[in-house]
Amino acid sequence: MKKKFKIIAVGYGGEYAICTKDADFVNQWESEEESDLIEEVQDTFYDDADLEHGFGMYSDSTLTIYEIKDGGEKEIENDIEATCLVSREAYIADSDNGSVPVLLFHSAEKGIFCNWELETENFDPKLLATTVVETDVGEFIQDLYYDGKKLEADDSCVDTRGKGYCAKVGWINLEWHETSEKFEDKELIEECWKDHLENL
């Protein structure tokens, strides 16, 4: 008989964005104080985030598992760190290695980031895995998988508070930039899942 479980992401993470800018903007701000850059872009980065924009927990954060039963929730596992199934790189570089001028902005936050629900006979934390976005300001969980299947995220529970901001300018090499399409490659995900099971 299948049971119902909830997985909750509570900890540290935040919002991150990579925005295309012009060369003059990068040249102007690369030697300025970060606090001044943050003030300059804090109200505009959201609308300008054309290359990357995400929100999630840091990849080294842990998950808490609850069993949903009789109208209530009972904690059955905590401090679960899910294995990374596959990651993609979204780093910025200097002008010698990048061709597109960009702004990188991050709002660090603490709190509840997301939850997922699933039904299975017996919950096995070893069958949890994540996809991860690697950036210069942190590595962020994008999706959560259980037993090879991507779980549907519920962000209606999000409740975080800000811990600070960081911002930097630089250049990005679009040939090196791995977009979110990488995580939509079903064959890649299936192959990575096979490798994950072999390493259990």
C-alpha atoms as a PDB file:
ATOM      1  CA  MET A   1       0.000   0.000   0.000  1.00  0.00           C
ATOM      2  CA  LYS A   2       1.397   3.377  -0.973  1.00  0.00           C
ATOM      3  CA  LYS A   3       1.973   6.092   1.606  1.00  0.00           C
ATOM      4  CA  LYS A   4       2.076   9.827   1.080  1.00  0.00           C
ATOM      5  CA  PHE A   5       5.160  11.887   1.907  1.00  0.00           C
ATOM      6  CA  LYS A   6       6.149  15.551   1.889  1.00  0.00           C
ATOM      7  CA  ILE A   7       9.694  16.795   1.376  1.00  0.00           C
ATOM      8  CA  ILE A   8      10.432  20.297   2.660  1.00  0.00           C
ATOM      9  CA  ALA A   9      13.417  22.452   1.746  1.00  0.00           C
ATOM     10  CA  VAL A  10      14.328  24.641   4.706  1.00  0.00           C
ATOM     11  CA  GLY A  11      17.658  26.395   5.018  1.00  0.00           C
ATOM     12  CA  TYR A  12      19.756  28.837   3.025  1.00  0.00           C
ATOM     13  CA  GLY A  13      19.671  29.808  -0.634  1.00  0.00           C
ATOM     14  CA  GLY A  14      18.094  32.642  -2.538  1.00  0.00           C
ATOM     15  CA  GLU A  15      17.473  34.316  -5.856  1.00  0.00           C
ATOM     16  CA  TYR A  16      20.118  34.607  -8.562  1.00  0.00           C
ATOM     17  CA  ALA A  17      20.145  36.371 -11.917  1.00  0.00           C
ATOM     18  CA  ILE A  18      22.488  36.920 -14.842  1.00  0.00           C
ATOM     19  CA  CYS A  19      21.585  39.919 -16.971  1.00  0.00           C
ATOM     20  CA  THR A  20      23.009  41.057 -20.291  1.00  0.00           C
ATOM     21  CA  LYS A  21      24.527  44.532 -20.080  1.00  0.00           C
ATOM     22  CA  ASP A  22      26.588  46.663 -22.440  1.00  0.00           C
ATOM     23  CA  ALA A  23      30.363  46.872 -22.320  1.00  0.00           C
ATOM     24  CA  ASP A  24      30.278  50.433 -20.989  1.00  0.00           C
ATOM     25  CA  PHE A  25      28.259  49.292 -17.957  1.00  0.00           C
ATOM     26  CA  VAL A  26      30.760  46.530 -17.135  1.00  0.00           C
ATOM     27  CA  ASN A  27      33.764  48.786 -17.641  1.00  0.00           C
ATOM     28  CA  GLN A  28      32.186  51.455 -15.442  1.00  0.00           C
ATOM     29  CA  TRP A  29      31.335  49.172 -12.540  1.00  0.00           C
ATOM     30  CA  GLU A  30      34.115  46.588 -12.460  1.00  0.00           C
ATOM     31  CA  SER A  31      36.302  48.811 -10.286  1.00  0.00           C
ATOM     32  CA  GLU A  32      33.544  50.353  -8.168  1.00  0.00           C
ATOM     33  CA  GLU A  33      32.405  49.332  -4.688  1.00  0.00           C
ATOM     34  CA  GLU A  34      30.044  46.345  -4.640  1.00  0.00           C
ATOM     35  CA  SER A  35      27.664  48.166  -2.297  1.00  0.00           C
ATOM     36  CA  ASP A  36      27.241  50.928  -4.883  1.00  0.00           C
ATOM     37  CA  LEU A  37      26.600  48.387  -7.638  1.00  0.00           C
ATOM     38  CA  ILE A  38      23.970  46.653  -5.507  1.00  0.00           C
ATOM     39  CA  GLU A  39      22.201  49.960  -4.951  1.00  0.00           C
ATOM     40  CA  GLU A  40      22.348  50.703  -8.684  1.00  0.00           C
ATOM     41  CA  VAL A  41      20.768  47.422  -9.857  1.00  0.00           C
ATOM     42  CA  GLN A  42      18.671  46.193  -6.944  1.00  0.00           C
ATOM     43  CA  ASP A  43      15.406  47.496  -8.406  1.00  0.00           C
ATOM     44  CA  THR A  44      16.069  46.484 -12.016  1.00  0.00           C
ATOM     45  CA  PHE A  45      17.857  43.105 -12.031  1.00  0.00           C
ATOM     46  CA  TYR A  46      14.577  41.145 -11.905  1.00  0.00           C
ATOM     47  CA  ASP A  47      13.309  42.557 -15.200  1.00  0.00           C
ATOM     48  CA  ASP A  48      16.757  42.421 -16.812  1.00  0.00           C
ATOM     49  CA  ALA A  49      17.474  38.746 -16.048  1.00  0.00           C
ATOM     50  CA  ASP A  50      17.562  37.352 -19.578  1.00  0.00           C
ATOM     51  CA  LEU A  51      20.318  34.706 -19.286  1.00  0.00           C
ATOM     52  CA  GLU A  52      19.602  33.189 -15.872  1.00  0.00           C
ATOM     53  CA  HIS A  53      16.953  33.724 -13.216  1.00  0.00           C
ATOM     54  CA  GLY A  54      16.262  31.232 -10.478  1.00  0.00           C
ATOM     55  CA  PHE A  55      15.344  30.764  -6.833  1.00  0.00           C
ATOM     56  CA  GLY A  56      16.311  27.823  -4.688  1.00  0.00           C
ATOM     57  CA  MET A  57      18.281  26.311  -1.855  1.00  0.00           C
ATOM     58  CA  TYR A  58      22.036  25.912  -1.927  1.00  0.00           C
ATOM     59  CA  SER A  59      22.964  22.416  -3.054  1.00  0.00           C
ATOM     60  CA  ASP A  60      24.659  21.544   0.254  1.00  0.00           C
ATOM     61  CA  SER A  61      21.450  22.244   2.195  1.00  0.00           C
ATOM     62  CA  THR A  62      19.403  19.434   3.699  1.00  0.00           C
ATOM     63  CA  LEU A  63      15.826  18.234   3.312  1.00  0.00           C
ATOM     64  CA  THR A  64      13.249  17.140   5.889  1.00  0.00           C
ATOM     65  CA  ILE A  65      10.812  14.304   5.157  1.00  0.00           C
ATOM     66  CA  TYR A  66       7.300  13.989   6.594  1.00  0.00           C
ATOM     67  CA  GLU A  67       4.744  11.234   6.283  1.00  0.00           C
ATOM     68  CA  ILE A  68       1.239  12.568   5.663  1.00  0.00           C
ATOM     69  CA  LYS A  69      -1.224  10.449   7.604  1.00  0.00           C
ATOM     70  CA  ASP A  70      -4.644  10.893   9.198  1.00  0.00           C
ATOM     71  CA  GLY A  71      -4.735  14.574   8.297  1.00  0.00           C
ATOM     72  CA  GLY A  72      -1.401  15.293   9.947  1.00  0.00           C
ATOM     73  CA  GLU A  73       2.313  15.260   9.184  1.00  0.00           C
ATOM     74  CA  LYS A  74       4.925  13.252  11.073  1.00  0.00           C
ATOM     75  CA  GLU A  75       8.640  13.888  10.612  1.00  0.00           C
ATOM     76  CA  ILE A  76      10.432  10.659   9.665  1.00  0.00           C
ATOM     77  CA  GLU A  77      13.794  11.886   8.318  1.00  0.00           C
ATOM     78  CA  ASN A  78      15.837  15.058   8.616  1.00  0.00           C
ATOM     79  CA  ASP A  79      19.208  16.422   7.522  1.00  0.00           C
ATOM     80  CA  ILE A  80      18.921  14.549   4.230  1.00  0.00           C
ATOM     81  CA  GLU A  81      21.432  15.804   1.657  1.00  0.00           C
ATOM     82  CA  ALA A  82      20.309  14.623  -1.757  1.00  0.00           C
ATOM     83  CA  THR A  83      22.898  13.452  -4.277  1.00  0.00           C
ATOM     84  CA  CYS A  84      23.503  15.637  -7.312  1.00  0.00           C
ATOM     85  CA  LEU A  85      22.215  13.786 -10.364  1.00  0.00           C
ATOM     86  CA  VAL A  86      23.544  16.257 -12.923  1.00  0.00           C
ATOM     87  CA  SER A  87      24.680  19.877 -12.861  1.00  0.00           C
ATOM     88  CA  ARG A  88      25.124  22.684 -15.345  1.00  0.00           C
ATOM     89  CA  GLU A  89      27.555  25.588 -15.341  1.00  0.00           C
ATOM     90  CA  ALA A  90      26.557  29.261 -15.472  1.00  0.00           C
ATOM     91  CA  TYR A  91      29.789  31.017 -14.564  1.00  0.00           C
ATOM     92  CA  ILE A  92      30.989  34.434 -15.642  1.00  0.00           C
ATOM     93  CA  ALA A  93      34.551  35.221 -16.693  1.00  0.00           C
ATOM     94  CA  ASP A  94      36.867  38.081 -17.584  1.00  0.00           C
ATOM     95  CA  SER A  95      37.033  39.846 -20.934  1.00  0.00           C
ATOM     96  CA  ASP A  96      39.748  37.481 -22.197  1.00  0.00           C
ATOM     97  CA  ASN A  97      37.427  34.466 -21.907  1.00  0.00           C
ATOM     98  CA  GLY A  98      33.964  35.946 -22.349  1.00  0.00           C
ATOM     99  CA  SER A  99      32.264  37.854 -25.113  1.00  0.00           C
ATOM    100  CA  VAL A 100      28.963  39.003 -23.600  1.00  0.00           C
ATOM    101  CA  PRO A 101      29.015  41.680 -20.840  1.00  0.00           C
ATOM    102  CA  VAL A 102      26.808  40.726 -17.899  1.00  0.00           C
ATOM    103  CA  LEU A 103      25.673  41.517 -14.374  1.00  0.00           C
ATOM    104  CA  LEU A 104      25.414  38.760 -11.762  1.00  0.00           C
ATOM    105  CA  PHE A 105      23.090  39.466  -8.827  1.00  0.00           C
ATOM    106  CA  HIS A 106      22.234  37.334  -5.803  1.00  0.00           C
ATOM    107  CA  SER A 107      19.834  37.847  -2.916  1.00  0.00           C
ATOM    108  CA  ALA A 108      20.838  35.481  -0.099  1.00  0.00           C
ATOM    109  CA  GLU A 109      17.887  34.254   1.962  1.00  0.00           C
ATOM    110  CA  LYS A 110      16.971  31.896   4.789  1.00  0.00           C
ATOM    111  CA  GLY A 111      13.720  30.045   5.352  1.00  0.00           C
ATOM    112  CA  ILE A 112      11.342  27.689   3.560  1.00  0.00           C
ATOM    113  CA  PHE A 113      12.064  27.461  -0.163  1.00  0.00           C
ATOM    114  CA  CYS A 114       9.820  24.744  -1.506  1.00  0.00           C
ATOM    115  CA  ASN A 115       8.129  21.425  -0.874  1.00  0.00           C
ATOM    116  CA  TRP A 116       7.343  18.336  -2.916  1.00  0.00           C
ATOM    117  CA  GLU A 117       4.873  15.503  -2.332  1.00  0.00           C
ATOM    118  CA  LEU A 118       5.001  11.911  -3.532  1.00  0.00           C
ATOM    119  CA  GLU A 119       3.410   8.538  -2.972  1.00  0.00           C
ATOM    120  CA  THR A 120       5.454   5.378  -2.513  1.00  0.00           C
ATOM    121  CA  GLU A 121       5.305   2.216  -0.409  1.00  0.00           C
ATOM    122  CA  ASN A 122       8.434   2.893   1.627  1.00  0.00           C
ATOM    123  CA  PHE A 123      10.424   6.097   1.465  1.00  0.00           C
ATOM    124  CA  ASP A 124      14.132   5.630   0.715  1.00  0.00           C
ATOM    125  CA  PRO A 125      16.274   8.799   1.010  1.00  0.00           C
ATOM    126  CA  LYS A 126      18.923   7.200  -1.220  1.00  0.00           C
ATOM    127  CA  LEU A 127      16.487   7.550  -4.113  1.00  0.00           C
ATOM    128  CA  LEU A 128      16.489  11.353  -3.819  1.00  0.00           C
ATOM    129  CA  ALA A 129      18.618  13.284  -6.295  1.00  0.00           C
ATOM    130  CA  THR A 130      18.849  16.851  -7.550  1.00  0.00           C
ATOM    131  CA  THR A 131      19.775  18.877 -10.578  1.00  0.00           C
ATOM    132  CA  VAL A 132      22.071  21.760  -9.678  1.00  0.00           C
ATOM    133  CA  VAL A 133      22.941  25.116 -11.251  1.00  0.00           C
ATOM    134  CA  GLU A 134      26.552  26.174 -10.600  1.00  0.00           C
ATOM    135  CA  THR A 135      27.199  29.929 -10.462  1.00  0.00           C
ATOM    136  CA  ASP A 136      29.822  32.280  -9.068  1.00  0.00           C
ATOM    137  CA  VAL A 137      27.574  33.067  -6.090  1.00  0.00           C
ATOM    138  CA  GLY A 138      26.598  29.510  -5.187  1.00  0.00           C
ATOM    139  CA  GLU A 139      25.267  26.190  -6.384  1.00  0.00           C
ATOM    140  CA  PHE A 140      21.472  26.021  -6.401  1.00  0.00           C
ATOM    141  CA  ILE A 141      19.021  23.118  -6.494  1.00  0.00           C
ATOM    142  CA  GLN A 142      16.788  23.423  -9.552  1.00  0.00           C
ATOM    143  CA  ASP A 143      14.802  20.150  -9.540  1.00  0.00           C
ATOM    144  CA  LEU A 144      14.288  17.232  -7.181  1.00  0.00           C
ATOM    145  CA  TYR A 145      13.976  13.634  -8.341  1.00  0.00           C
ATOM    146  CA  TYR A 146      12.777  10.531  -6.534  1.00  0.00           C
ATOM    147  CA  ASP A 147      13.351   7.080  -7.986  1.00  0.00           C
ATOM    148  CA  GLY A 148      14.241   8.607 -11.332  1.00  0.00           C
ATOM    149  CA  LYS A 149      11.136  10.773 -11.657  1.00  0.00           C
ATOM    150  CA  LYS A 150      11.090  14.557 -11.367  1.00  0.00           C
ATOM    151  CA  LEU A 151       8.808  15.758  -8.577  1.00  0.00           C
ATOM    152  CA  GLU A 152       6.449  18.672  -9.028  1.00  0.00           C
ATOM    153  CA  ALA A 153       7.511  21.570  -6.854  1.00  0.00           C
ATOM    154  CA  ASP A 154       5.029  23.496  -4.725  1.00  0.00           C
ATOM    155  CA  ASP A 155       6.320  27.010  -4.051  1.00  0.00           C
ATOM    156  CA  SER A 156       3.154  28.237  -2.352  1.00  0.00           C
ATOM    157  CA  CYS A 157       4.846  27.630   0.999  1.00  0.00           C
ATOM    158  CA  VAL A 158       7.819  29.916   0.343  1.00  0.00           C
ATOM    159  CA  ASP A 159       8.630  31.932   3.447  1.00  0.00           C
ATOM    160  CA  THR A 160      12.122  33.445   3.507  1.00  0.00           C
ATOM    161  CA  ARG A 161      13.867  36.504   4.864  1.00  0.00           C
ATOM    162  CA  GLY A 162      16.774  38.321   3.292  1.00  0.00           C
ATOM    163  CA  LYS A 163      20.309  37.861   4.609  1.00  0.00           C
ATOM    164  CA  GLY A 164      22.149  40.134   2.187  1.00  0.00           C
ATOM    165  CA  TYR A 165      23.005  40.866  -1.432  1.00  0.00           C
ATOM    166  CA  CYS A 166      25.954  40.436  -3.712  1.00  0.00           C
ATOM    167  CA  ALA A 167      26.571  41.689  -7.235  1.00  0.00           C
ATOM    168  CA  LYS A 168      29.402  41.651  -9.737  1.00  0.00           C
ATOM    169  CA  VAL A 169      29.974  42.426 -13.393  1.00  0.00           C
ATOM    170  CA  GLY A 170      31.924  40.416 -15.913  1.00  0.00           C
ATOM    171  CA  TRP A 171      31.675  38.580 -19.173  1.00  0.00           C
ATOM    172  CA  ILE A 172      30.092  35.293 -20.172  1.00  0.00           C
ATOM    173  CA  ASN A 173      31.113  32.864 -22.871  1.00  0.00           C
ATOM    174  CA  LEU A 174      27.868  31.595 -24.367  1.00  0.00           C
ATOM    175  CA  GLU A 175      29.639  28.474 -25.664  1.00  0.00           C
ATOM    176  CA  TRP A 176      30.486  27.536 -22.075  1.00  0.00           C
ATOM    177  CA  HIS A 177      27.146  28.584 -20.612  1.00  0.00           C
ATOM    178  CA  GLU A 178      24.983  25.502 -20.050  1.00  0.00           C
ATOM    179  CA  THR A 179      21.321  26.514 -20.180  1.00  0.00           C
ATOM    180  CA  SER A 180      18.343  24.878 -18.463  1.00  0.00           C
ATOM    181  CA  GLU A 181      17.722  22.873 -21.647  1.00  0.00           C
ATOM    182  CA  LYS A 182      20.409  20.480 -20.410  1.00  0.00           C
ATOM    183  CA  PHE A 183      18.033  19.300 -17.678  1.00  0.00           C
ATOM    184  CA  GLU A 184      15.332  18.629 -20.282  1.00  0.00           C
ATOM    185  CA  ASP A 185      17.481  16.001 -22.008  1.00  0.00           C
ATOM    186  CA  LYS A 186      15.619  12.813 -21.030  1.00  0.00           C
ATOM    187  CA  GLU A 187      18.362  10.499 -22.288  1.00  0.00           C
ATOM    188  CA  LEU A 188      20.957  12.327 -20.190  1.00  0.00           C
ATOM    189  CA  ILE A 189      18.760  12.174 -17.089  1.00  0.00           C
ATOM    190  CA  GLU A 190      18.109   8.446 -17.587  1.00  0.00           C
ATOM    191  CA  GLU A 191      21.814   7.735 -18.054  1.00  0.00           C
ATOM    192  CA  CYS A 192      22.730   9.761 -14.957  1.00  0.00           C
ATOM    193  CA  TRP A 193      20.050   7.935 -12.976  1.00  0.00           C
ATOM    194  CA  LYS A 194      21.522   4.568 -13.978  1.00  0.00           C
ATOM    195  CA  ASP A 195      24.929   5.772 -12.791  1.00  0.00           C
ATOM    196  CA  HIS A 196      23.365   6.965  -9.533  1.00  0.00           C
ATOM    197  CA  LEU A 197      21.822   3.556  -8.840  1.00  0.00           C
ATOM    198  CA  GLU A 198      25.091   1.784  -9.604  1.00  0.00           C
ATOM    199  CA  ASN A 199      26.876   3.944  -7.038  1.00  0.00           C
ATOM    200  CA  LEU A 200      24.403   3.314  -4.203  1.00  0.00           C
END
